[in-house]
């Protein structure tokens, strides 16, 4: 019997998932969670075979839950089921140890099959996610929007992860503040984000900070 915890903040979706999964003769839903904190508590208490996890969760976000579960309860396979298909989320989720990443556009039968596969140790990726992952790999470690970072931009990005100001980055790198501003502007453009905080978050997720 495959024991599952469902972590999904929308009640109607969570209930629908539970109703379907419990029609499967080899599956049992042992707990539900409406936020990331509850998901962690449920996994620690029940130690399920599979955590079905949405990435966009209140209190503790899905990526943080994934990282915590893979560290604390490595025997639990985490199958990400989400509507979040942003390129920037794919690599961090895979690197954090997800056993699978599927989108909510899949059919119920496909979801059941994905659960069975991750329990058997087979990685499961939605075709759209596979294409995104391939794009990420082809771009290399420093690009999200299709343009590779320069070495200087990577250095600035790493310092942004530590919340340094432009003035502090300039002093650290021995360049002018104007040059730092140019690098930051280019980084935001390549990441397709609008704030330094978003760039800093990306840098930390990629292990640059």
Foldseek 3Di string as FASTA:
>chain_A
DFEEEEEAQDVVVQVVLQVLQVVDPVYDYPYYHNFLVVLLVCCVVPVGQEYEAEQPGPPDGRLRSLLVCCVPRVNYAYAYEYQDQQLLVLVLSVVSHHQEYYYPVDDSVVVNVCSVQSSVVHRYYDPSSVVSVVQCVVQPLAFRQNHRADPVLLLLLLVLLVVDDLVRSCVVVVHDSVVSVVSVVVQCVRNVHDDSVVSSVSCVSSVSD
